[in-house]
Amino acid sequence: MGQHEVGQNKKGNEAHKYSPGRGPPVDQKCEFCAGTFRIAGPFYNGVIHNSDFLDVILRIVAKSSKTEFASYDRMVGMLSVISEEIQDIPFYYSIPQLNNVLRASTAPQETMMYIFLTNLSSAILNAGYRVSETHMNQYCLKTDAPMRFIWDVLKQWSKENHPITEKNLKSDSPAYKIHHMKQE
């Protein structure tokens, strides 16, 4: 996170200077909930999958029989998800965590969650953004859609399917502030 510089002091000896890291200029507060930011990292920002290698492995596994590998279905599924994952976006959104911030209900059953994620992905694609699943978690999505758009879609879904009780939200909570920001 910090910076390390090696130089010389006044006597000509090697000197080490440590200073805090610098980041991109951002406001002091989150534009959605007015909360403070947390510093995280470091993170790897490069491509994490070798597409050619994935294609070769997927072909090898697909040519084999289910009796050859006990985990054949899982291997094909995981390799397929990885090969379809957006590569140039390093982070993903945990939809249950975002719904938790909104104090919105997350679809309780796996089938309902799948339908919800499909509808969310469809809304993102129809708005002209890219979206994919991530191999990290079945309830997470990678997208280049702006955060405001994600909040708007989640708020709309909540209103239509599982309305929140406004009186239960504190006026200084992130949920209240996000629910009351204007939709774009």
Protein backbone atom coordinates (compact mmCIF):
# COMPACT_ATOMS: atom_id res chain seq x y z
CA MET A 1 0.00 0.00 0.00
CA GLY A 2 2.81 2.41 0.79
CA GLN A 3 5.78 3.58 -1.19
CA HIS A 4 9.39 2.65 -0.55
CA GLU A 5 12.25 4.71 -1.91
CA VAL A 6 15.94 3.97 -1.54
CA GLY A 7 18.31 6.91 -1.64
CA GLN A 8 21.25 8.39 0.21
CA ASN A 9 21.30 10.45 3.37
CA LYS A 10 23.51 13.51 3.93
CA LYS A 11 26.47 11.28 4.89
CA GLY A 12 26.16 9.29 1.66
CA ASN A 13 24.82 6.16 3.33
CA GLU A 14 21.91 4.21 1.94
CA ALA A 15 18.63 5.52 3.32
CA HIS A 16 15.13 4.10 3.07
CA LYS A 17 12.10 6.34 2.91
CA TYR A 18 8.63 4.92 3.54
CA SER A 19 5.53 6.95 2.78
CA PRO A 20 1.82 6.27 2.47
CA GLY A 21 0.50 5.15 -0.89
CA ARG A 22 -1.39 7.51 -3.14
CA GLY A 23 -4.60 6.67 -4.87
CA PRO A 24 -6.82 8.21 -7.48
CA PRO A 25 -8.56 11.40 -6.37
CA VAL A 26 -11.95 10.56 -4.88
CA ASP A 27 -14.33 12.41 -2.64
CA GLN A 28 -14.10 11.92 1.11
CA LYS A 29 -17.55 10.31 1.18
CA CYS A 30 -19.35 7.75 -0.95
CA GLU A 31 -21.64 9.43 -3.50
CA PHE A 32 -24.44 6.91 -2.76
CA CYS A 33 -24.56 6.57 1.02
CA ALA A 34 -22.21 9.32 2.27
CA GLY A 35 -20.18 6.69 4.13
CA THR A 36 -16.40 6.79 4.40
CA PHE A 37 -14.17 4.72 2.15
CA ARG A 38 -12.00 1.86 3.31
CA ILE A 39 -8.60 1.26 1.80
CA ALA A 40 -8.05 -2.24 0.49
CA GLY A 41 -5.41 -3.99 -1.49
CA PRO A 42 -3.11 -4.71 -3.00
CA PHE A 43 -4.95 -6.42 -5.82
CA TYR A 44 -3.89 -8.00 -9.07
CA ASN A 45 -5.22 -6.09 -12.05
CA GLY A 46 -4.03 -8.34 -14.87
CA VAL A 47 -5.77 -11.10 -16.78
CA ILE A 48 -6.21 -14.03 -14.42
CA HIS A 49 -7.04 -16.74 -16.96
CA ASN A 50 -5.16 -17.99 -20.01
CA SER A 51 -7.92 -18.44 -22.61
CA ASP A 52 -5.88 -20.76 -24.84
CA PHE A 53 -5.05 -23.04 -21.90
CA LEU A 54 -8.69 -23.06 -20.79
CA ASP A 55 -9.85 -24.04 -24.28
CA VAL A 56 -7.38 -26.93 -24.41
CA ILE A 57 -8.35 -28.22 -20.95
CA LEU A 58 -12.07 -27.87 -21.72
CA ARG A 59 -11.65 -29.87 -24.97
CA ILE A 60 -9.68 -32.58 -23.13
CA VAL A 61 -12.30 -32.88 -20.41
CA ALA A 62 -15.19 -32.76 -22.92
CA LYS A 63 -13.62 -35.63 -24.93
CA SER A 64 -13.32 -37.80 -21.82
CA SER A 65 -16.16 -39.85 -20.40
CA LYS A 66 -18.03 -39.21 -17.18
CA THR A 67 -16.59 -42.44 -15.81
CA GLU A 68 -13.03 -41.19 -16.32
CA PHE A 69 -13.51 -38.24 -13.96
CA ALA A 70 -15.77 -38.49 -10.91
CA SER A 71 -16.16 -34.72 -10.99
CA TYR A 72 -16.74 -34.48 -14.76
CA ASP A 73 -19.88 -32.30 -14.55
CA ARG A 74 -18.30 -29.95 -12.02
CA MET A 75 -15.11 -29.64 -14.10
CA VAL A 76 -17.01 -28.85 -17.31
CA GLY A 77 -19.22 -26.37 -15.45
CA MET A 78 -16.36 -24.54 -13.74
CA LEU A 79 -14.20 -24.41 -16.88
CA SER A 80 -17.17 -23.11 -18.89
CA VAL A 81 -17.91 -20.36 -16.35
CA ILE A 82 -14.24 -19.34 -16.27
CA SER A 83 -14.00 -19.26 -20.07
CA GLU A 84 -17.09 -17.00 -20.31
CA GLU A 85 -16.03 -14.65 -17.50
CA ILE A 86 -15.28 -11.02 -18.39
CA GLN A 87 -11.49 -10.79 -18.21
CA ASP A 88 -10.82 -7.05 -18.08
CA ILE A 89 -12.88 -6.33 -14.95
CA PRO A 90 -11.02 -7.35 -11.80
CA PHE A 91 -13.86 -7.11 -9.28
CA TYR A 92 -17.31 -8.59 -8.94
CA TYR A 93 -20.51 -7.70 -7.10
CA SER A 94 -21.96 -10.00 -4.46
CA ILE A 95 -25.68 -9.60 -5.06
CA PRO A 96 -26.71 -10.87 -1.59
CA GLN A 97 -24.31 -8.33 -0.01
CA LEU A 98 -25.71 -5.47 -2.10
CA ASN A 99 -29.25 -6.50 -1.15
CA ASN A 100 -28.13 -6.56 2.47
CA VAL A 101 -26.91 -2.96 2.17
CA LEU A 102 -30.35 -2.05 0.81
CA ARG A 103 -32.04 -4.11 3.53
CA ALA A 104 -33.82 -5.83 0.66
CA SER A 105 -34.78 -9.47 0.70
CA THR A 106 -32.58 -11.80 -1.29
CA ALA A 107 -34.39 -14.62 -3.04
CA PRO A 108 -34.32 -17.37 -0.40
CA GLN A 109 -34.39 -20.46 -2.58
CA GLU A 110 -31.67 -21.38 -5.03
CA THR A 111 -34.16 -21.50 -7.93
CA MET A 112 -35.47 -18.03 -7.08
CA MET A 113 -31.91 -16.68 -6.78
CA TYR A 114 -31.11 -18.10 -10.22
CA ILE A 115 -34.19 -16.38 -11.70
CA PHE A 116 -33.25 -13.12 -9.93
CA LEU A 117 -29.66 -13.22 -11.23
CA THR A 118 -30.93 -14.00 -14.73
CA ASN A 119 -33.30 -11.01 -14.61
CA LEU A 120 -30.56 -8.75 -13.23
CA SER A 121 -28.13 -9.89 -15.94
CA SER A 122 -30.81 -9.30 -18.56
CA ALA A 123 -31.43 -5.75 -17.31
CA ILE A 124 -27.69 -5.03 -17.43
CA LEU A 125 -27.33 -6.44 -20.97
CA ASN A 126 -30.43 -4.61 -22.23
CA ALA A 127 -28.95 -1.34 -20.96
CA GLY A 128 -25.89 -1.95 -23.14
CA TYR A 129 -23.41 -3.07 -20.49
CA ARG A 130 -21.43 -6.29 -20.28
CA VAL A 131 -22.14 -8.86 -17.57
CA SER A 132 -20.91 -12.34 -16.68
CA GLU A 133 -20.93 -14.77 -13.83
CA THR A 134 -17.74 -15.22 -11.86
CA HIS A 135 -16.07 -18.48 -10.95
CA MET A 136 -15.61 -17.19 -7.39
CA ASN A 137 -19.23 -17.37 -6.25
CA GLN A 138 -22.44 -18.44 -7.93
CA TYR A 139 -24.31 -15.41 -6.53
CA CYS A 140 -21.89 -12.81 -7.86
CA LEU A 141 -21.67 -10.94 -11.14
CA LYS A 142 -18.97 -9.04 -13.03
CA THR A 143 -20.12 -6.05 -15.02
CA ASP A 144 -18.98 -2.76 -16.45
CA ALA A 145 -22.29 -1.14 -15.52
CA PRO A 146 -21.91 1.89 -13.23
CA MET A 147 -22.76 1.39 -9.57
CA ARG A 148 -25.67 3.84 -9.78
CA PHE A 149 -27.29 1.63 -12.43
CA ILE A 150 -26.82 -1.49 -10.28
CA TRP A 151 -28.44 0.27 -7.30
CA ASP A 152 -31.36 1.46 -9.48
CA VAL A 153 -32.04 -2.07 -10.78
CA LEU A 154 -31.82 -3.62 -7.30
CA LYS A 155 -34.11 -0.94 -5.83
CA GLN A 156 -36.67 -1.49 -8.59
CA TRP A 157 -36.60 -5.26 -8.12
CA SER A 158 -37.07 -4.79 -4.39
CA LYS A 159 -40.07 -2.48 -4.93
CA GLU A 160 -41.73 -4.93 -7.31
CA ASN A 161 -41.01 -8.18 -5.46
CA HIS A 162 -40.13 -7.65 -1.81
CA PRO A 163 -40.89 -4.07 -0.75
CA ILE A 164 -38.95 -2.86 2.26
CA THR A 165 -40.61 -1.22 5.23
CA GLU A 166 -39.45 2.39 5.06
CA LYS A 167 -40.16 3.06 8.74
CA ASN A 168 -37.57 0.43 9.66
CA LEU A 169 -34.77 2.37 7.93
CA LYS A 170 -32.84 4.97 9.89
CA SER A 171 -32.47 8.23 7.98
CA ASP A 172 -28.68 8.15 8.33
CA SER A 173 -28.31 4.53 7.14
CA PRO A 174 -26.81 3.63 3.75
CA ALA A 175 -30.03 1.76 2.88
CA TYR A 176 -32.18 4.85 3.44
CA LYS A 177 -29.85 7.12 1.48
CA ILE A 178 -29.57 4.74 -1.47
CA HIS A 179 -33.33 4.10 -1.56
CA HIS A 180 -33.93 7.85 -1.65
CA MET A 181 -31.40 8.82 -4.31
CA LYS A 182 -32.93 9.85 -7.61
CA GLN A 183 -33.12 7.20 -10.30
CA GLU A 184 -31.33 7.97 -13.56
